[in-house]
Protein backbone atom coordinates (compact mmCIF):
# COMPACT_ATOMS: atom_id res chain seq x y z
CA MET A 1 60.03 2.93 7.79
CA ASP A 2 56.29 3.85 7.92
CA GLN A 3 54.67 6.72 10.41
CA THR A 4 53.01 4.10 12.83
CA ASP A 5 56.45 2.53 13.09
CA VAL A 6 58.12 5.83 13.78
CA LEU A 7 55.38 7.02 16.11
CA ARG A 8 55.58 3.80 18.08
CA ALA A 9 59.58 3.83 18.50
CA LEU A 10 59.09 7.50 19.61
CA ARG A 11 57.09 6.60 22.67
CA ARG A 12 59.79 3.72 23.74
CA ASP A 13 61.50 4.10 27.23
CA HIS A 14 64.67 5.85 25.75
CA PRO A 15 66.59 5.81 28.83
CA MET A 16 66.03 2.12 29.67
CA GLU A 17 66.78 1.26 25.90
CA LEU A 18 70.05 3.47 25.88
CA ARG A 19 71.21 1.58 29.00
CA ARG A 20 70.20 -1.83 27.48
CA ALA A 21 72.29 -0.90 24.40
CA ALA A 22 75.44 0.13 26.41
CA ASP A 23 74.90 -3.27 27.91
CA ARG A 24 74.93 -5.21 25.12
CA LEU A 25 77.82 -3.89 23.84
CA HIS A 26 80.07 -4.16 26.59
CA GLY A 27 83.00 -6.52 26.02
CA THR A 28 82.52 -6.11 22.14
CA ALA A 29 82.55 -2.36 20.90
CA ARG A 30 85.20 -0.21 22.41
CA HIS A 31 85.17 2.83 24.80
CA THR A 32 86.80 4.81 22.74
CA PRO A 33 89.04 7.43 24.08
CA ILE A 34 88.93 11.41 24.44
CA ILE A 35 91.47 12.93 22.63
CA PRO A 36 92.40 16.67 23.48
CA SER A 37 93.65 18.66 19.79
CA ARG A 38 95.33 21.58 20.55
CA SER A 39 95.77 22.25 16.75
CA LEU A 40 91.81 22.75 16.59
CA SER A 41 91.58 24.59 19.92
CA ASP A 42 94.21 27.03 18.48
CA LEU A 43 92.37 27.18 14.79
CA THR A 44 88.76 27.66 16.71
CA GLY A 45 89.47 29.43 19.76
CA HIS A 46 87.38 26.98 21.32
CA ASP A 47 88.43 23.50 23.76
CA ILE A 48 88.05 20.79 20.87
CA ARG A 49 88.60 17.02 22.10
CA LEU A 50 87.85 14.40 19.67
CA LYS A 51 85.84 10.96 19.93
CA PRO A 52 87.76 8.84 17.93
CA GLU A 53 85.37 6.36 16.12
CA ASN A 54 88.02 5.44 13.73
CA LEU A 55 89.59 3.46 16.36
CA GLN A 56 86.86 1.30 16.91
CA VAL A 57 86.26 -2.17 16.31
CA THR A 58 85.92 -2.78 12.70
CA GLY A 59 87.24 1.07 12.10
CA SER A 60 83.74 2.91 13.03
CA PHE A 61 81.25 3.41 15.20
CA LYS A 62 78.85 1.52 12.89
CA ILE A 63 79.59 -1.91 14.78
CA ARG A 64 77.37 -0.44 17.48
CA GLY A 65 73.96 0.17 16.11
CA ALA A 66 74.69 -3.39 14.03
CA TYR A 67 75.70 -5.49 17.14
CA ASN A 68 72.78 -4.04 19.19
CA LYS A 69 70.05 -4.81 16.98
CA ILE A 70 71.54 -8.55 15.78
CA ALA A 71 71.75 -9.14 19.80
CA SER A 72 68.19 -8.28 20.04
CA LEU A 73 67.22 -10.72 17.38
CA SER A 74 65.39 -14.00 18.40
CA ASP A 75 67.19 -17.40 17.36
CA GLU A 76 64.57 -18.45 14.76
CA GLU A 77 65.40 -15.03 13.01
CA ILE A 78 69.16 -15.63 13.39
CA ALA A 79 68.70 -18.90 11.42
CA ARG A 80 66.76 -17.53 8.78
CA GLY A 81 69.80 -15.25 7.91
CA ILE A 82 70.61 -11.57 7.97
CA VAL A 83 70.65 -9.46 4.83
CA THR A 84 71.61 -5.75 4.81
CA ALA A 85 72.88 -2.47 2.67
CA SER A 86 76.03 -0.20 3.45
CA ALA A 87 78.41 1.56 1.56
CA GLY A 88 81.20 -0.08 3.79
CA ASN A 89 81.06 0.42 7.62
CA HIS A 90 77.74 -1.01 8.38
CA ALA A 91 78.40 -3.57 6.30
CA GLN A 92 81.57 -4.50 8.57
CA GLY A 93 79.83 -4.18 11.52
CA VAL A 94 76.76 -6.57 10.36
CA ALA A 95 79.47 -9.04 9.29
CA TYR A 96 81.27 -8.85 12.66
CA ALA A 97 78.03 -8.91 14.78
CA ALA A 98 76.75 -11.67 12.70
CA ARG A 99 79.82 -13.80 12.88
CA GLU A 100 79.43 -13.62 16.66
CA ARG A 101 76.04 -15.05 16.81
CA GLY A 102 76.80 -17.39 14.14
CA ALA A 103 74.25 -16.26 11.99
CA ASN A 104 74.75 -16.07 7.80
CA ALA A 105 75.10 -12.67 6.28
CA THR A 106 74.53 -11.41 3.04
CA ILE A 107 75.66 -7.63 2.31
CA VAL A 108 74.82 -5.56 -0.43
CA MET A 109 77.22 -2.74 -1.53
CA PRO A 110 77.20 0.31 -4.27
CA GLN A 111 79.35 -0.40 -6.97
CA ILE A 112 81.52 2.63 -5.89
CA THR A 113 82.36 1.19 -2.40
CA PRO A 114 86.10 1.62 -1.90
CA PRO A 115 88.00 -2.19 -2.00
CA LEU A 116 89.25 -1.73 1.20
CA LYS A 117 85.79 -1.88 2.72
CA VAL A 118 84.68 -4.74 0.36
CA ASP A 119 87.79 -6.91 1.46
CA ALA A 120 87.23 -6.07 5.04
CA THR A 121 83.74 -7.34 5.12
CA LYS A 122 84.28 -10.39 3.13
CA ALA A 123 86.92 -10.98 6.04
CA TYR A 124 84.40 -11.17 8.59
CA GLY A 125 82.67 -14.12 6.36
CA ALA A 126 79.81 -12.33 5.04
CA GLN A 127 78.87 -13.08 1.46
CA VAL A 128 79.12 -9.46 -0.73
CA VAL A 129 76.95 -8.58 -3.70
CA LEU A 130 77.79 -5.17 -5.28
CA HIS A 131 74.61 -3.25 -6.77
CA GLY A 132 73.74 0.08 -7.69
CA ASP A 133 75.73 3.67 -7.71
CA VAL A 134 74.53 4.73 -4.74
CA PHE A 135 73.69 3.22 -1.34
CA ASP A 136 69.80 3.87 -2.05
CA GLU A 137 70.11 1.35 -4.81
CA SER A 138 71.76 -1.35 -3.06
CA ALA A 139 69.32 -0.67 -0.03
CA GLU A 140 66.08 -1.37 -2.50
CA TYR A 141 67.74 -4.39 -3.84
CA ALA A 142 68.78 -5.93 -0.09
CA GLY A 143 65.26 -5.16 0.33
CA ARG A 144 64.28 -7.31 -2.16
CA LEU A 145 66.60 -10.36 -0.67
CA SER A 146 64.61 -9.87 2.26
CA ALA A 147 61.51 -10.83 0.82
CA GLU A 148 62.51 -13.27 -1.43
CA GLN A 149 64.56 -15.42 0.82
CA GLY A 150 63.23 -14.52 3.73
CA MET A 151 66.36 -13.11 5.69
CA VAL A 152 66.28 -10.63 8.29
CA TYR A 153 66.99 -7.12 7.22
CA VAL A 154 69.29 -5.22 9.56
CA PRO A 155 68.54 -1.44 8.07
CA PRO A 156 71.90 0.80 8.40
CA PHE A 157 69.96 3.64 10.20
CA ASP A 158 66.22 3.38 9.89
CA ASP A 159 65.61 1.35 13.11
CA TYR A 160 65.41 1.84 16.51
CA GLU A 161 67.90 -0.61 17.98
CA VAL A 162 70.31 0.47 15.51
CA ILE A 163 70.10 4.00 16.60
CA CYS A 164 70.00 3.28 20.37
CA GLY A 165 73.50 1.34 19.49
CA GLN A 166 75.04 4.29 17.88
CA GLY A 167 73.53 6.24 21.15
CA THR A 168 76.10 4.90 23.10
CA VAL A 169 78.85 7.39 21.32
CA GLY A 170 76.84 10.12 23.00
CA LEU A 171 76.73 8.33 26.17
CA GLU A 172 80.46 7.72 26.24
CA ILE A 173 80.93 11.47 25.56
CA LEU A 174 78.50 12.65 28.61
CA GLU A 175 80.72 10.33 30.88
CA ASP A 176 83.76 11.34 29.82
CA VAL A 177 83.36 14.88 29.03
CA PRO A 178 81.27 16.09 31.87
CA ASP A 179 81.71 19.75 30.86
CA VAL A 180 80.63 19.53 27.18
CA THR A 181 78.71 21.80 25.73
CA ASP A 182 78.57 21.05 21.87
CA VAL A 183 78.59 18.05 20.36
CA VAL A 184 79.21 17.43 16.33
CA VAL A 185 78.36 14.68 14.14
CA PRO A 186 78.23 14.01 10.33
CA LEU A 187 74.63 13.21 8.85
CA GLY A 188 74.09 10.43 6.14
CA GLY A 189 71.09 8.58 6.78
CA GLY A 190 71.23 9.92 10.40
CA GLY A 191 71.39 6.95 12.31
CA LEU A 192 74.40 8.25 14.55
CA GLY A 193 73.13 11.63 14.30
CA ALA A 194 70.08 10.53 16.05
CA GLY A 195 71.29 8.46 18.39
CA VAL A 196 73.67 10.75 19.65
CA ALA A 197 71.08 13.22 19.68
CA LEU A 198 68.67 10.93 21.53
CA ALA A 199 71.19 10.13 24.53
CA ILE A 200 72.25 13.57 24.71
CA LYS A 201 68.85 15.10 25.24
CA THR A 202 67.77 12.25 27.33
CA PHE A 203 70.29 12.95 29.78
CA ARG A 204 71.51 16.48 29.28
CA PRO A 205 69.42 18.56 27.13
CA GLN A 206 71.24 21.94 27.73
CA VAL A 207 74.18 20.24 25.50
CA ARG A 208 73.65 21.06 21.76
CA VAL A 209 73.93 18.54 19.38
CA ILE A 210 75.27 19.74 15.97
CA GLY A 211 74.70 18.17 12.43
CA ALA A 212 77.42 18.18 9.71
CA ILE A 213 76.89 17.32 5.98
CA PRO A 214 78.72 17.92 2.47
CA GLU A 215 77.48 20.14 0.24
CA GLY A 216 77.38 17.41 -2.20
CA SER A 217 75.04 15.88 0.16
CA PRO A 218 71.88 18.10 0.89
CA ALA A 219 69.25 15.47 1.66
CA TYR A 220 69.01 16.54 5.52
CA ARG A 221 68.97 20.19 4.56
CA GLU A 222 66.34 19.91 2.18
CA SER A 223 64.36 17.60 3.97
CA PHE A 224 64.60 20.16 7.34
CA GLU A 225 63.57 23.03 5.14
CA ALA A 226 60.35 21.06 3.58
CA GLY A 227 59.72 20.07 7.32
CA HIS A 228 59.42 16.05 6.25
CA VAL A 229 61.84 13.23 4.73
CA VAL A 230 62.48 14.13 0.90
CA ALA A 231 65.26 12.78 -1.53
CA ALA A 232 68.18 14.95 -2.83
CA GLU A 233 68.23 14.55 -6.39
CA GLN A 234 71.70 13.78 -6.67
CA VAL A 235 74.64 13.27 -4.54
CA MET A 236 78.16 14.03 -4.81
CA THR A 237 80.70 13.64 -2.35
CA SER A 238 84.21 11.61 -1.48
CA ALA A 239 82.71 11.10 2.05
CA GLU A 240 80.75 7.86 0.59
CA GLY A 241 79.79 7.28 4.45
CA VAL A 242 77.83 9.93 3.93
CA ALA A 243 76.57 9.68 0.47
CA VAL A 244 72.73 9.12 1.11
CA LYS A 245 69.88 10.46 -1.00
CA ARG A 246 67.02 9.89 1.06
CA PRO A 247 67.34 10.02 5.00
CA GLY A 248 65.68 7.65 7.35
CA ASP A 249 62.24 8.26 8.50
CA LEU A 250 62.83 7.55 12.35
CA PRO A 251 66.33 9.25 12.35
CA PHE A 252 64.71 12.50 10.73
CA ALA A 253 62.08 12.47 13.21
CA LEU A 254 64.52 12.38 16.32
CA LEU A 255 66.70 15.07 14.56
CA ASN A 256 64.00 17.44 13.63
CA GLU A 257 63.04 17.52 17.63
CA PHE A 258 66.44 17.52 19.18
CA LEU A 259 69.33 18.76 16.28
CA ASP A 260 70.14 22.23 17.39
CA ASP A 261 71.85 23.31 14.25
CA LEU A 262 73.12 22.14 10.79
CA VAL A 263 76.48 23.00 9.01
CA THR A 264 77.33 22.56 5.68
CA VAL A 265 81.05 21.90 4.56
CA THR A 266 83.11 21.72 0.95
CA GLU A 267 84.91 18.68 -0.54
CA ARG A 268 88.17 21.18 0.09
CA ASP A 269 87.08 21.42 3.91
CA ILE A 270 86.97 17.72 4.46
CA ASN A 271 90.35 16.61 2.51
CA GLU A 272 92.25 19.39 4.87
CA MET A 273 90.76 17.82 7.73
CA ILE A 274 91.97 14.49 6.80
CA LEU A 275 95.37 15.77 5.91
CA LEU A 276 95.25 17.56 9.77
CA MET A 277 94.54 14.43 11.50
CA LEU A 278 97.31 12.57 9.75
CA GLU A 279 100.19 15.32 10.55
CA LYS A 280 98.75 16.89 13.92
CA HIS A 281 97.49 13.39 15.24
CA LYS A 282 98.70 10.57 13.41
CA LEU A 283 94.88 9.25 13.32
CA VAL A 284 93.60 7.96 9.88
CA VAL A 285 89.99 9.78 9.06
CA GLU A 286 87.58 9.10 6.11
CA GLY A 287 85.74 11.61 4.46
CA ALA A 288 82.86 11.25 6.67
CA GLY A 289 84.85 11.10 9.74
CA ALA A 290 86.30 14.41 8.59
CA VAL A 291 83.04 16.12 8.15
CA SER A 292 82.36 16.86 11.70
CA LEU A 293 85.91 18.54 11.77
CA ALA A 294 85.52 20.46 8.89
CA ALA A 295 82.44 21.75 10.56
CA LEU A 296 84.35 23.47 13.47
CA GLU A 297 85.35 26.66 11.44
CA HIS A 298 82.13 27.51 10.64
CA LEU A 299 79.87 26.78 13.91
CA ASP A 300 77.67 29.90 15.19
CA LEU A 301 78.45 29.79 18.98
CA ARG A 302 77.78 33.64 19.38
CA SER A 303 74.30 33.47 20.78
CA ARG A 304 75.14 30.41 23.23
CA ALA A 305 75.49 31.35 26.67
CA PHE A 306 76.19 28.31 27.81
CA ALA A 307 79.95 27.48 27.98
CA SER A 308 82.67 26.41 30.33
CA ALA A 309 83.89 28.58 33.41
CA GLN A 310 86.91 30.15 31.08
CA GLY A 311 84.10 31.21 28.58
CA LYS A 312 85.08 28.53 25.83
CA HIS A 313 83.01 25.83 24.52
CA VAL A 314 83.52 22.28 25.15
CA ILE A 315 83.06 20.96 21.48
CA VAL A 316 83.34 17.25 21.03
CA PRO A 317 83.54 16.72 17.09
CA ILE A 318 83.03 12.90 16.38
CA LEU A 319 85.34 11.24 13.55
CA SER A 320 83.05 8.63 12.71
CA GLY A 321 85.18 6.13 10.79
CA GLY A 322 88.74 5.61 9.55
CA ASN A 323 88.22 2.80 6.58
CA ILE A 324 89.78 4.93 3.62
CA ASP A 325 91.63 3.04 1.05
CA THR A 326 95.29 4.03 -0.20
CA VAL A 327 94.25 5.34 -3.32
CA THR A 328 91.83 8.00 -1.68
CA MET A 329 94.34 8.81 1.27
CA GLY A 330 96.90 9.52 -1.46
CA ALA A 331 94.78 11.53 -3.43
CA VAL A 332 93.94 13.57 -0.65
CA ILE A 333 97.62 14.26 0.34
CA GLN A 334 98.12 15.26 -3.03
CA LYS A 335 95.26 17.85 -3.13
CA GLY A 336 96.58 19.09 0.29
CA MET A 337 99.89 19.86 -0.73
CA ILE A 338 98.86 21.74 -3.85
CA ALA A 339 96.17 23.61 -2.05
CA ARG A 340 98.93 24.83 0.34
CA GLY A 341 101.16 25.64 -2.73
């Protein structure tokens, strides 16, 4: 997205657009419940309440942004067909939304995408093309298909309607957890983080929004340090949902203004949280979905005066998705058992 489009998006009526997204998604996306976590509360000393988007339609939050974007398209645009690129969860969201509107959808996915996500995307009726080793290469190819065949490109994160759709996660948190003090969100391309931060800061600016990234996916940390979007030289993380080399221009602009803190987690942290969710909550969470959980032990809350009446922070980590294949899950369980001796 060029800077003219970024500035135009930043000047839009955010409260109205967020409410419009919520209206469009009503009856399509699930209003996921808040689940208190005694185990994580005991571990951190704070009140931890989970936002399980792994229980969402298609298994992740991505249906929100994809559906809001496609619902905003005209009939003429729908007739041209839809194309996108995705590591998996956005693919399923676009495929589902396209099917709802009767549009043909082509999804370009990295060759490393787990078979579970490829098969799930095909099950919604989309054509899947495997291209590139990482998301960015898939996105470049999807852009070429859009230009050559006239299809409408639905960005996975660098788009205002997509971001507002993801922002409905933040609206639900504010509705369901009125005493929330901190929200932790994983960052890949930044669509979820930007949407949640936009919603939180629009309607309750005193609540902190904290981003979390794997150490092997440093693009956001490097971009914040540089003061502008930069691409990471390489991305190496098992959390493929946040394995993005270059953040989106609009998400970066929003997060640069609204994000309160950024936390880096290790692969071991991520694996331990996947295993903990299985054992303590009977929840299946993918790597990207566990990144916000892994950040909980690393939060710097000492300088934060705003807390609940009990003196504890009320922290809501967002479990962004649960689409993990059985081979990866087996490896995570084995690593966890080894780590525990």
